[in-house]
Amino acid sequence: MAVIKSTGTVDVELTLAELELIRRALGLVYNFGATNDMDDALALLADLEATA
């Protein structure tokens, strides 16, 4: 499992298809992931929803 060592802001260009894959993956974390990953996954998903 990946470990977050620092946080920051990153600008990344994605196609709509790539963005949808990321959304689906974050949904899987929410539905099936470890509990300690849920808050970060939901926060990132909310950020992606706000920018879409």
C-alpha atoms as a PDB file:
ATOM      1  CA  MET A   1       0.000   0.000   0.000  1.00  0.00           C
ATOM      2  CA  ALA A   2       1.215   3.508  -0.759  1.00  0.00           C
ATOM      3  CA  VAL A   3       2.145   5.794   2.110  1.00  0.00           C
ATOM      4  CA  ILE A   4       1.550   9.544   1.853  1.00  0.00           C
ATOM      5  CA  LYS A   5       4.718  11.257   3.055  1.00  0.00           C
ATOM      6  CA  SER A   6       3.741  14.839   2.302  1.00  0.00           C
ATOM      7  CA  THR A   7       0.863  16.778   0.835  1.00  0.00           C
ATOM      8  CA  GLY A   8       0.632  19.612  -1.627  1.00  0.00           C
ATOM      9  CA  THR A   9      -1.148  20.858  -4.715  1.00  0.00           C
ATOM     10  CA  VAL A  10      -0.471  19.276  -8.091  1.00  0.00           C
ATOM     11  CA  ASP A  11      -1.923  20.281 -11.455  1.00  0.00           C
ATOM     12  CA  VAL A  12      -2.474  17.272 -13.696  1.00  0.00           C
ATOM     13  CA  GLU A  13      -4.172  17.134 -17.070  1.00  0.00           C
ATOM     14  CA  LEU A  14      -6.541  14.189 -17.446  1.00  0.00           C
ATOM     15  CA  THR A  15      -8.907  13.056 -20.123  1.00  0.00           C
ATOM     16  CA  LEU A  16     -12.520  12.612 -19.074  1.00  0.00           C
ATOM     17  CA  ALA A  17     -12.048   8.849 -19.323  1.00  0.00           C
ATOM     18  CA  GLU A  18      -9.032   8.971 -16.969  1.00  0.00           C
ATOM     19  CA  LEU A  19     -10.948  11.145 -14.529  1.00  0.00           C
ATOM     20  CA  GLU A  20     -13.832   8.683 -14.530  1.00  0.00           C
ATOM     21  CA  LEU A  21     -11.443   5.811 -13.795  1.00  0.00           C
ATOM     22  CA  ILE A  22     -10.063   7.722 -10.819  1.00  0.00           C
ATOM     23  CA  ARG A  23     -13.576   8.426  -9.557  1.00  0.00           C
ATOM     24  CA  ARG A  24     -14.454   4.733  -9.817  1.00  0.00           C
ATOM     25  CA  ALA A  25     -11.267   3.724  -8.013  1.00  0.00           C
ATOM     26  CA  LEU A  26     -12.002   6.168  -5.195  1.00  0.00           C
ATOM     27  CA  GLY A  27     -15.494   4.735  -4.959  1.00  0.00           C
ATOM     28  CA  LEU A  28     -13.972   1.282  -4.552  1.00  0.00           C
ATOM     29  CA  VAL A  29     -11.789   2.560  -1.724  1.00  0.00           C
ATOM     30  CA  TYR A  30     -14.914   3.931  -0.070  1.00  0.00           C
ATOM     31  CA  ASN A  31     -16.855   0.687  -0.554  1.00  0.00           C
ATOM     32  CA  PHE A  32     -14.151  -1.921  -0.012  1.00  0.00           C
ATOM     33  CA  GLY A  33     -10.999  -0.203   1.232  1.00  0.00           C
ATOM     34  CA  ALA A  34      -9.364  -0.092   4.613  1.00  0.00           C
ATOM     35  CA  THR A  35     -11.052   2.294   7.027  1.00  0.00           C
ATOM     36  CA  ASN A  36      -7.960   4.444   7.417  1.00  0.00           C
ATOM     37  CA  ASP A  37      -8.089   5.220   3.659  1.00  0.00           C
ATOM     38  CA  MET A  38     -11.731   6.348   3.557  1.00  0.00           C
ATOM     39  CA  ASP A  39     -11.376   9.961   4.697  1.00  0.00           C
ATOM     40  CA  ASP A  40      -8.594  10.689   2.200  1.00  0.00           C
ATOM     41  CA  ALA A  41     -10.491   8.967  -0.627  1.00  0.00           C
ATOM     42  CA  LEU A  42     -13.683  10.896   0.101  1.00  0.00           C
ATOM     43  CA  ALA A  43     -11.795  14.203   0.350  1.00  0.00           C
ATOM     44  CA  LEU A  44     -10.088  13.632  -3.003  1.00  0.00           C
ATOM     45  CA  LEU A  45     -13.359  12.543  -4.585  1.00  0.00           C
ATOM     46  CA  ALA A  46     -15.035  15.739  -3.323  1.00  0.00           C
ATOM     47  CA  ASP A  47     -12.194  17.819  -4.786  1.00  0.00           C
ATOM     48  CA  LEU A  48     -12.540  16.074  -8.136  1.00  0.00           C
ATOM     49  CA  GLU A  49     -16.313  16.604  -8.142  1.00  0.00           C
ATOM     50  CA  ALA A  50     -15.848  20.302  -7.436  1.00  0.00           C
ATOM     51  CA  THR A  51     -13.474  20.758 -10.376  1.00  0.00           C
ATOM     52  CA  ALA A  52     -15.361  18.645 -12.913  1.00  0.00           C
END
